[in-house]
Amino acid sequence: RVVRGTYSFASRRFELTRLVKAHEKQLGRELDASAALELADALGGFLDSLQIEEVSGAGLADLVGADLAEHWRISREFLEMAQVAWPARLAELGLVAVSQRRVALLRKLAQAWTDRPPQGVLIAAGSTGTAPATADLLAVVAAAPQGAVVLPGLDDSLAQSAWIEVGEQ
């Protein structure tokens, strides 16, 4: 499959709005343009989170049990549909999700630096590494011959006894 590239924010927003509008009956309500755009933005954020965290979203059924309100079931079914329909639409367009591309690039960089660690100074600063691909890249940076990871929020007012415990790592 040939992927032409990623999409602009605006084109993604309108494609997701089209997806939302096409499934408004499944949501049990008619959506005006503003509501469809708002829901599309929320859906985009949800799909991005799944890709960045590298989770399938398959556990949605477990989150919404039979004893919960009907609107939760409707939301779950809609999100399950979107997780299938959105990648299919991107494939039709020959595009890849920006967040999916980001994860793939981070993983490729981590593999390249694992295979051939940079010999010069290599510093990663300001990231907490909460996303799996970012955490893996930070581990590779830290393991490089002259690599260092500087986490945000360093408390430089720590007592001297605490600094001794920190050591040089």
N, C-alpha and C. Protein backbone atom coordinates (compact mmCIF):
# COMPACT_ATOMS: atom_id res chain seq x y z
N ARG A 1 0.84 -1.18 0.00
CA ARG A 1 0.00 0.00 0.00
C ARG A 1 0.88 1.24 0.00
N VAL A 2 0.57 2.17 -0.83
CA VAL A 2 1.32 3.42 -0.89
C VAL A 2 0.62 4.46 -0.04
N VAL A 3 1.36 5.04 0.87
CA VAL A 3 0.82 6.11 1.70
C VAL A 3 1.40 7.41 1.20
N ARG A 4 0.52 8.31 0.81
CA ARG A 4 0.97 9.58 0.25
C ARG A 4 1.49 10.53 1.32
N GLY A 5 0.98 10.45 2.50
CA GLY A 5 1.43 11.35 3.54
C GLY A 5 0.40 11.49 4.64
N THR A 6 0.54 12.55 5.38
CA THR A 6 -0.41 12.82 6.45
C THR A 6 -1.37 13.88 5.93
N TYR A 7 -2.26 14.31 6.76
CA TYR A 7 -3.30 15.25 6.37
C TYR A 7 -3.15 16.53 7.17
N SER A 8 -3.80 17.57 6.70
CA SER A 8 -3.80 18.82 7.47
C SER A 8 -4.81 18.71 8.59
N PHE A 9 -4.65 19.55 9.58
CA PHE A 9 -5.59 19.57 10.70
C PHE A 9 -7.00 19.82 10.20
N ALA A 10 -7.16 20.76 9.29
CA ALA A 10 -8.50 21.10 8.79
C ALA A 10 -9.12 19.93 8.03
N SER A 11 -8.34 19.28 7.18
CA SER A 11 -8.92 18.16 6.42
C SER A 11 -9.28 17.02 7.35
N ARG A 12 -8.47 16.76 8.35
CA ARG A 12 -8.80 15.72 9.33
C ARG A 12 -10.09 16.07 10.06
N ARG A 13 -10.18 17.31 10.47
CA ARG A 13 -11.36 17.74 11.21
C ARG A 13 -12.63 17.55 10.39
N PHE A 14 -12.57 17.90 9.12
CA PHE A 14 -13.76 17.76 8.28
C PHE A 14 -14.05 16.31 7.92
N GLU A 15 -13.03 15.50 7.76
CA GLU A 15 -13.25 14.06 7.52
C GLU A 15 -13.89 13.41 8.74
N LEU A 16 -13.40 13.77 9.92
CA LEU A 16 -14.00 13.22 11.14
C LEU A 16 -15.43 13.73 11.33
N THR A 17 -15.67 14.98 10.96
CA THR A 17 -17.03 15.53 11.04
C THR A 17 -17.96 14.77 10.10
N ARG A 18 -17.46 14.45 8.92
CA ARG A 18 -18.26 13.66 7.97
C ARG A 18 -18.58 12.29 8.57
N LEU A 19 -17.61 11.68 9.20
CA LEU A 19 -17.81 10.38 9.84
C LEU A 19 -18.86 10.48 10.94
N VAL A 20 -18.75 11.50 11.77
CA VAL A 20 -19.71 11.70 12.86
C VAL A 20 -21.11 11.92 12.30
N LYS A 21 -21.22 12.80 11.33
CA LYS A 21 -22.52 13.14 10.75
C LYS A 21 -23.15 11.90 10.09
N ALA A 22 -22.34 11.07 9.46
CA ALA A 22 -22.86 9.87 8.80
C ALA A 22 -23.41 8.85 9.81
N HIS A 23 -23.01 8.97 11.05
CA HIS A 23 -23.44 8.01 12.07
C HIS A 23 -24.27 8.66 13.18
N GLU A 24 -24.88 9.80 12.88
CA GLU A 24 -25.65 10.49 13.91
C GLU A 24 -26.85 9.67 14.38
N LYS A 25 -27.42 8.86 13.49
CA LYS A 25 -28.56 8.02 13.90
C LYS A 25 -28.13 7.02 14.96
N GLN A 26 -26.91 6.50 14.82
CA GLN A 26 -26.37 5.57 15.81
C GLN A 26 -26.26 6.26 17.18
N LEU A 27 -26.01 7.56 17.16
CA LEU A 27 -25.93 8.33 18.39
C LEU A 27 -27.31 8.69 18.95
N GLY A 28 -28.32 8.47 18.14
CA GLY A 28 -29.69 8.72 18.60
C GLY A 28 -30.10 10.16 18.61
N ARG A 29 -29.42 10.99 17.82
CA ARG A 29 -29.80 12.40 17.76
C ARG A 29 -29.30 13.00 16.47
N GLU A 30 -29.96 14.08 16.06
CA GLU A 30 -29.54 14.82 14.89
C GLU A 30 -28.54 15.88 15.33
N LEU A 31 -27.46 15.98 14.57
CA LEU A 31 -26.39 16.92 14.93
C LEU A 31 -26.35 18.07 13.95
N ASP A 32 -26.35 19.31 14.47
CA ASP A 32 -26.11 20.44 13.59
C ASP A 32 -24.61 20.52 13.33
N ALA A 33 -24.19 21.43 12.48
CA ALA A 33 -22.77 21.52 12.09
C ALA A 33 -21.87 21.76 13.30
N SER A 34 -22.29 22.63 14.20
CA SER A 34 -21.47 22.93 15.36
C SER A 34 -21.29 21.70 16.26
N ALA A 35 -22.37 20.99 16.51
CA ALA A 35 -22.31 19.80 17.36
C ALA A 35 -21.47 18.70 16.69
N ALA A 36 -21.61 18.56 15.37
CA ALA A 36 -20.83 17.55 14.66
C ALA A 36 -19.34 17.88 14.70
N LEU A 37 -18.99 19.15 14.53
CA LEU A 37 -17.58 19.57 14.63
C LEU A 37 -17.03 19.33 16.03
N GLU A 38 -17.81 19.66 17.04
CA GLU A 38 -17.36 19.47 18.42
C GLU A 38 -17.14 17.99 18.72
N LEU A 39 -18.05 17.16 18.28
CA LEU A 39 -17.92 15.72 18.50
C LEU A 39 -16.74 15.16 17.70
N ALA A 40 -16.54 15.68 16.49
CA ALA A 40 -15.40 15.24 15.67
C ALA A 40 -14.07 15.59 16.34
N ASP A 41 -13.99 16.77 16.93
CA ASP A 41 -12.77 17.16 17.64
C ASP A 41 -12.51 16.22 18.82
N ALA A 42 -13.56 15.91 19.57
CA ALA A 42 -13.41 15.00 20.72
C ALA A 42 -13.02 13.60 20.24
N LEU A 43 -13.62 13.16 19.15
CA LEU A 43 -13.29 11.86 18.58
C LEU A 43 -11.84 11.83 18.12
N GLY A 44 -11.38 12.89 17.49
CA GLY A 44 -9.98 12.98 17.06
C GLY A 44 -9.03 12.88 18.23
N GLY A 45 -9.34 13.55 19.32
CA GLY A 45 -8.50 13.47 20.52
C GLY A 45 -8.47 12.06 21.09
N PHE A 46 -9.61 11.41 21.10
CA PHE A 46 -9.70 10.03 21.59
C PHE A 46 -8.85 9.09 20.72
N LEU A 47 -9.01 9.20 19.41
CA LEU A 47 -8.25 8.33 18.50
C LEU A 47 -6.75 8.60 18.60
N ASP A 48 -6.37 9.86 18.73
CA ASP A 48 -4.95 10.21 18.92
C ASP A 48 -4.41 9.57 20.19
N SER A 49 -5.18 9.66 21.26
CA SER A 49 -4.73 9.09 22.54
C SER A 49 -4.49 7.59 22.42
N LEU A 50 -5.40 6.90 21.75
CA LEU A 50 -5.21 5.46 21.56
C LEU A 50 -3.92 5.17 20.81
N GLN A 51 -3.66 5.94 19.75
CA GLN A 51 -2.46 5.69 18.95
C GLN A 51 -1.19 6.06 19.71
N ILE A 52 -1.19 7.18 20.39
CA ILE A 52 -0.01 7.62 21.13
C ILE A 52 0.31 6.65 22.26
N GLU A 53 -0.72 6.17 22.94
CA GLU A 53 -0.52 5.22 24.03
C GLU A 53 -0.35 3.79 23.53
N GLU A 54 -0.53 3.60 22.22
CA GLU A 54 -0.38 2.29 21.58
C GLU A 54 -1.28 1.23 22.20
N VAL A 55 -2.54 1.61 22.36
CA VAL A 55 -3.55 0.67 22.84
C VAL A 55 -4.62 0.52 21.77
N SER A 56 -5.26 -0.63 21.75
CA SER A 56 -6.23 -0.93 20.70
C SER A 56 -7.60 -0.32 20.97
N GLY A 57 -7.92 -0.09 22.19
CA GLY A 57 -9.26 0.38 22.50
C GLY A 57 -10.26 -0.76 22.60
N ALA A 58 -9.77 -1.98 22.53
CA ALA A 58 -10.64 -3.15 22.55
C ALA A 58 -11.35 -3.31 23.89
N GLY A 59 -10.86 -2.71 24.93
CA GLY A 59 -11.45 -2.86 26.25
C GLY A 59 -12.67 -1.99 26.52
N LEU A 60 -13.15 -1.28 25.51
CA LEU A 60 -14.31 -0.41 25.73
C LEU A 60 -15.52 -1.19 26.23
N ALA A 61 -15.72 -2.39 25.72
CA ALA A 61 -16.87 -3.19 26.14
C ALA A 61 -16.80 -3.49 27.63
N ASP A 62 -15.60 -3.67 28.15
CA ASP A 62 -15.43 -3.96 29.57
C ASP A 62 -15.71 -2.74 30.44
N LEU A 63 -15.54 -1.54 29.87
CA LEU A 63 -15.77 -0.32 30.63
C LEU A 63 -17.25 0.00 30.79
N VAL A 64 -18.04 -0.46 29.83
CA VAL A 64 -19.46 -0.12 29.82
C VAL A 64 -20.27 -1.38 30.05
N GLY A 65 -20.67 -1.59 31.28
CA GLY A 65 -21.44 -2.77 31.63
C GLY A 65 -22.93 -2.56 31.42
N ALA A 66 -23.67 -3.62 31.55
CA ALA A 66 -25.12 -3.59 31.32
C ALA A 66 -25.84 -2.71 32.34
N ASP A 67 -25.25 -2.54 33.50
CA ASP A 67 -25.91 -1.77 34.54
C ASP A 67 -25.73 -0.25 34.40
N LEU A 68 -24.97 0.18 33.41
CA LEU A 68 -24.75 1.61 33.23
C LEU A 68 -25.81 2.20 32.30
N ALA A 69 -25.88 3.50 32.27
CA ALA A 69 -26.89 4.21 31.49
C ALA A 69 -26.77 3.90 30.00
N GLU A 70 -27.89 4.03 29.33
CA GLU A 70 -27.99 3.76 27.89
C GLU A 70 -27.02 4.62 27.08
N HIS A 71 -26.82 5.88 27.49
CA HIS A 71 -25.94 6.76 26.71
C HIS A 71 -24.49 6.25 26.72
N TRP A 72 -24.09 5.54 27.76
CA TRP A 72 -22.74 4.96 27.78
C TRP A 72 -22.62 3.85 26.75
N ARG A 73 -23.69 3.04 26.62
CA ARG A 73 -23.67 1.97 25.62
C ARG A 73 -23.61 2.57 24.22
N ILE A 74 -24.38 3.61 23.99
CA ILE A 74 -24.39 4.28 22.68
C ILE A 74 -23.00 4.84 22.37
N SER A 75 -22.38 5.48 23.36
CA SER A 75 -21.03 6.04 23.17
C SER A 75 -20.03 4.94 22.84
N ARG A 76 -20.10 3.85 23.58
CA ARG A 76 -19.17 2.73 23.35
C ARG A 76 -19.32 2.20 21.93
N GLU A 77 -20.55 1.97 21.50
CA GLU A 77 -20.79 1.44 20.15
C GLU A 77 -20.29 2.42 19.09
N PHE A 78 -20.51 3.70 19.32
CA PHE A 78 -20.03 4.71 18.37
C PHE A 78 -18.50 4.69 18.29
N LEU A 79 -17.84 4.64 19.45
CA LEU A 79 -16.37 4.64 19.46
C LEU A 79 -15.82 3.37 18.82
N GLU A 80 -16.47 2.25 19.04
CA GLU A 80 -16.03 1.00 18.39
C GLU A 80 -16.16 1.11 16.88
N MET A 81 -17.25 1.71 16.40
CA MET A 81 -17.43 1.92 14.96
C MET A 81 -16.33 2.84 14.43
N ALA A 82 -16.06 3.92 15.14
CA ALA A 82 -15.07 4.90 14.69
C ALA A 82 -13.67 4.30 14.61
N GLN A 83 -13.36 3.39 15.52
CA GLN A 83 -12.04 2.75 15.51
C GLN A 83 -11.82 1.87 14.29
N VAL A 84 -12.89 1.48 13.65
CA VAL A 84 -12.80 0.71 12.41
C VAL A 84 -12.92 1.64 11.20
N ALA A 85 -13.88 2.55 11.26
CA ALA A 85 -14.17 3.41 10.11
C ALA A 85 -13.06 4.42 9.82
N TRP A 86 -12.44 5.00 10.85
CA TRP A 86 -11.42 6.03 10.62
C TRP A 86 -10.19 5.47 9.93
N PRO A 87 -9.60 4.38 10.40
CA PRO A 87 -8.45 3.84 9.66
C PRO A 87 -8.83 3.42 8.24
N ALA A 88 -10.04 2.93 8.06
CA ALA A 88 -10.48 2.54 6.71
C ALA A 88 -10.55 3.77 5.80
N ARG A 89 -11.05 4.88 6.33
CA ARG A 89 -11.14 6.12 5.54
C ARG A 89 -9.74 6.64 5.20
N LEU A 90 -8.84 6.60 6.17
CA LEU A 90 -7.47 7.03 5.89
C LEU A 90 -6.84 6.16 4.80
N ALA A 91 -7.09 4.86 4.85
CA ALA A 91 -6.56 3.96 3.84
C ALA A 91 -7.12 4.30 2.46
N GLU A 92 -8.41 4.61 2.40
CA GLU A 92 -9.03 5.03 1.13
C GLU A 92 -8.33 6.25 0.55
N LEU A 93 -7.96 7.17 1.44
CA LEU A 93 -7.32 8.41 1.02
C LEU A 93 -5.82 8.26 0.80
N GLY A 94 -5.28 7.10 1.18
CA GLY A 94 -3.84 6.89 1.06
C GLY A 94 -3.05 7.69 2.07
N LEU A 95 -3.64 7.89 3.27
CA LEU A 95 -3.02 8.72 4.30
C LEU A 95 -2.75 7.89 5.55
N VAL A 96 -1.96 8.45 6.42
CA VAL A 96 -1.68 7.84 7.71
C VAL A 96 -1.97 8.88 8.79
N ALA A 97 -2.48 8.42 9.93
CA ALA A 97 -2.78 9.32 11.04
C ALA A 97 -1.48 9.94 11.55
N VAL A 98 -1.52 11.21 11.86
CA VAL A 98 -0.35 11.94 12.32
C VAL A 98 0.22 11.29 13.58
N SER A 99 -0.64 10.95 14.53
CA SER A 99 -0.16 10.34 15.77
C SER A 99 0.44 8.96 15.52
N GLN A 100 -0.11 8.22 14.58
CA GLN A 100 0.45 6.92 14.23
C GLN A 100 1.83 7.10 13.59
N ARG A 101 1.96 8.09 12.73
CA ARG A 101 3.24 8.38 12.09
C ARG A 101 4.28 8.78 13.13
N ARG A 102 3.86 9.59 14.10
CA ARG A 102 4.77 10.04 15.16
C ARG A 102 5.32 8.84 15.94
N VAL A 103 4.44 7.93 16.32
CA VAL A 103 4.86 6.73 17.06
C VAL A 103 5.83 5.92 16.21
N ALA A 104 5.51 5.73 14.94
CA ALA A 104 6.38 4.94 14.06
C ALA A 104 7.76 5.59 13.92
N LEU A 105 7.80 6.91 13.78
CA LEU A 105 9.09 7.60 13.65
C LEU A 105 9.91 7.51 14.93
N LEU A 106 9.26 7.67 16.08
CA LEU A 106 9.98 7.54 17.35
C LEU A 106 10.55 6.13 17.50
N ARG A 107 9.78 5.14 17.12
CA ARG A 107 10.24 3.75 17.22
C ARG A 107 11.41 3.49 16.26
N LYS A 108 11.33 4.03 15.05
CA LYS A 108 12.42 3.86 14.08
C LYS A 108 13.70 4.53 14.58
N LEU A 109 13.57 5.71 15.15
CA LEU A 109 14.72 6.42 15.67
C LEU A 109 15.34 5.64 16.84
N ALA A 110 14.49 5.14 17.73
CA ALA A 110 14.99 4.34 18.86
C ALA A 110 15.73 3.10 18.36
N GLN A 111 15.20 2.45 17.34
CA GLN A 111 15.86 1.26 16.79
C GLN A 111 17.17 1.63 16.12
N ALA A 112 17.18 2.72 15.36
CA ALA A 112 18.41 3.15 14.69
C ALA A 112 19.50 3.48 15.71
N TRP A 113 19.13 4.17 16.79
CA TRP A 113 20.12 4.53 17.81
C TRP A 113 20.51 3.33 18.68
N THR A 114 19.65 2.35 18.77
CA THR A 114 20.02 1.12 19.47
C THR A 114 21.04 0.34 18.65
N ASP A 115 20.79 0.27 17.35
CA ASP A 115 21.69 -0.45 16.44
C ASP A 115 23.04 0.25 16.30
N ARG A 116 23.00 1.58 16.22
CA ARG A 116 24.22 2.39 16.06
C ARG A 116 24.11 3.61 16.95
N PRO A 117 24.47 3.46 18.23
CA PRO A 117 24.33 4.59 19.16
C PRO A 117 25.17 5.79 18.72
N PRO A 118 24.59 6.98 18.78
CA PRO A 118 25.36 8.18 18.47
C PRO A 118 26.55 8.28 19.43
N GLN A 119 27.71 8.65 18.90
CA GLN A 119 28.91 8.73 19.73
C GLN A 119 29.11 10.10 20.34
N GLY A 120 28.43 11.10 19.81
CA GLY A 120 28.54 12.44 20.37
C GLY A 120 27.57 12.63 21.53
N VAL A 121 27.57 13.84 22.05
CA VAL A 121 26.66 14.18 23.14
C VAL A 121 25.23 14.10 22.62
N LEU A 122 24.40 13.42 23.40
CA LEU A 122 22.99 13.24 23.03
C LEU A 122 22.15 13.52 24.27
N ILE A 123 21.33 14.56 24.20
CA ILE A 123 20.54 14.97 25.36
C ILE A 123 19.07 15.05 24.97
N ALA A 124 18.24 14.43 25.78
CA ALA A 124 16.79 14.57 25.66
C ALA A 124 16.33 15.32 26.90
N ALA A 125 15.66 16.43 26.70
CA ALA A 125 15.26 17.25 27.85
C ALA A 125 13.80 17.63 27.77
N GLY A 126 13.16 17.63 28.93
CA GLY A 126 11.81 18.17 29.03
C GLY A 126 10.67 17.19 28.86
N SER A 127 10.94 15.95 28.54
CA SER A 127 9.87 14.97 28.35
C SER A 127 9.79 14.06 29.55
N THR A 128 8.58 13.73 29.93
CA THR A 128 8.39 12.78 31.02
C THR A 128 8.38 11.35 30.51
N GLY A 129 8.25 11.19 29.20
CA GLY A 129 8.24 9.85 28.63
C GLY A 129 7.01 9.05 28.98
N THR A 130 5.87 9.71 29.07
CA THR A 130 4.66 8.99 29.45
C THR A 130 4.12 8.11 28.33
N ALA A 131 4.33 8.48 27.09
CA ALA A 131 3.91 7.64 25.97
C ALA A 131 4.95 6.53 25.77
N PRO A 132 4.50 5.32 25.47
CA PRO A 132 5.44 4.20 25.36
C PRO A 132 6.60 4.43 24.37
N ALA A 133 6.32 4.94 23.18
CA ALA A 133 7.39 5.14 22.20
C ALA A 133 8.38 6.20 22.68
N THR A 134 7.89 7.23 23.33
CA THR A 134 8.78 8.26 23.88
C THR A 134 9.62 7.70 25.01
N ALA A 135 9.00 6.92 25.88
CA ALA A 135 9.74 6.30 26.99
C ALA A 135 10.85 5.40 26.47
N ASP A 136 10.55 4.64 25.43
CA ASP A 136 11.57 3.76 24.85
C ASP A 136 12.72 4.56 24.24
N LEU A 137 12.40 5.66 23.57
CA LEU A 137 13.44 6.51 22.99
C LEU A 137 14.29 7.14 24.10
N LEU A 138 13.67 7.58 25.17
CA LEU A 138 14.44 8.15 26.28
C LEU A 138 15.38 7.11 26.89
N ALA A 139 14.94 5.87 26.96
CA ALA A 139 15.81 4.80 27.48
C ALA A 139 17.02 4.60 26.57
N VAL A 140 16.81 4.70 25.27
CA VAL A 140 17.92 4.57 24.32
C VAL A 140 18.88 5.74 24.47
N VAL A 141 18.35 6.95 24.63
CA VAL A 141 19.19 8.14 24.82
C VAL A 141 20.03 7.97 26.09
N ALA A 142 19.38 7.54 27.16
CA ALA A 142 20.09 7.37 28.43
C ALA A 142 21.19 6.32 28.33
N ALA A 143 21.01 5.31 27.49
CA ALA A 143 21.99 4.23 27.34
C ALA A 143 23.11 4.58 26.35
N ALA A 144 22.95 5.66 25.60
CA ALA A 144 23.98 6.04 24.62
C ALA A 144 25.28 6.40 25.35
N PRO A 145 26.43 6.23 24.68
CA PRO A 145 27.73 6.50 25.31
C PRO A 145 27.82 7.88 25.99
N GLN A 146 27.30 8.90 25.36
CA GLN A 146 27.30 10.23 25.96
C GLN A 146 25.88 10.77 26.06
N GLY A 147 24.95 9.88 26.36
CA GLY A 147 23.54 10.25 26.42
C GLY A 147 23.12 10.70 27.80
N ALA A 148 22.15 11.59 27.84
CA ALA A 148 21.60 12.06 29.10
C ALA A 148 20.13 12.41 28.89
N VAL A 149 19.34 12.13 29.89
CA VAL A 149 17.92 12.49 29.88
C VAL A 149 17.71 13.46 31.03
N VAL A 150 17.17 14.62 30.71
CA VAL A 150 16.89 15.63 31.72
C VAL A 150 15.37 15.73 31.83
N LEU A 151 14.86 15.27 32.96
CA LEU A 151 13.42 15.29 33.18
C LEU A 151 12.96 16.67 33.60
N PRO A 152 11.72 17.05 33.29
CA PRO A 152 11.22 18.36 33.71
C PRO A 152 10.96 18.38 35.21
N GLY A 153 11.00 19.55 35.78
CA GLY A 153 10.63 19.72 37.17
C GLY A 153 11.71 19.35 38.16
N LEU A 154 12.96 19.46 37.78
CA LEU A 154 14.04 19.17 38.71
C LEU A 154 13.97 20.13 39.90
N ASP A 155 13.98 19.56 41.07
CA ASP A 155 13.93 20.37 42.29
C ASP A 155 15.35 20.68 42.73
N ASP A 156 15.85 21.84 42.31
CA ASP A 156 17.25 22.18 42.63
C ASP A 156 17.41 22.69 44.07
N SER A 157 16.33 22.68 44.84
CA SER A 157 16.43 23.09 46.23
C SER A 157 16.47 21.88 47.17
N LEU A 158 16.73 20.70 46.61
CA LEU A 158 16.84 19.51 47.44
C LEU A 158 17.97 19.65 48.46
N ALA A 159 17.77 19.02 49.60
CA ALA A 159 18.81 19.02 50.63
C ALA A 159 20.03 18.27 50.12
N GLN A 160 21.19 18.60 50.63
CA GLN A 160 22.43 17.96 50.20
C GLN A 160 22.37 16.44 50.38
N SER A 161 21.72 15.97 51.43
CA SER A 161 21.60 14.53 51.66
C SER A 161 20.80 13.87 50.53
N ALA A 162 19.82 14.57 49.99
CA ALA A 162 19.03 14.04 48.87
C ALA A 162 19.88 13.99 47.60
N TRP A 163 20.69 15.02 47.36
CA TRP A 163 21.56 15.04 46.18
C TRP A 163 22.57 13.89 46.23
N ILE A 164 23.03 13.55 47.40
CA ILE A 164 23.96 12.42 47.53
C ILE A 164 23.26 11.12 47.11
N GLU A 165 21.99 10.99 47.46
CA GLU A 165 21.23 9.81 47.07
C GLU A 165 20.99 9.75 45.55
N VAL A 166 20.83 10.91 44.92
CA VAL A 166 20.60 10.96 43.49
C VAL A 166 21.82 10.44 42.73
N GLY A 167 22.99 10.85 43.14
CA GLY A 167 24.20 10.42 42.47
C GLY A 167 24.35 11.04 41.09
N GLU A 168 25.22 10.46 40.26
CA GLU A 168 25.51 11.05 38.96
C GLU A 168 24.56 10.63 37.85
N GLN A 169 23.72 9.63 38.10
CA GLN A 169 22.84 9.18 37.03
C GLN A 169 21.86 10.25 36.64
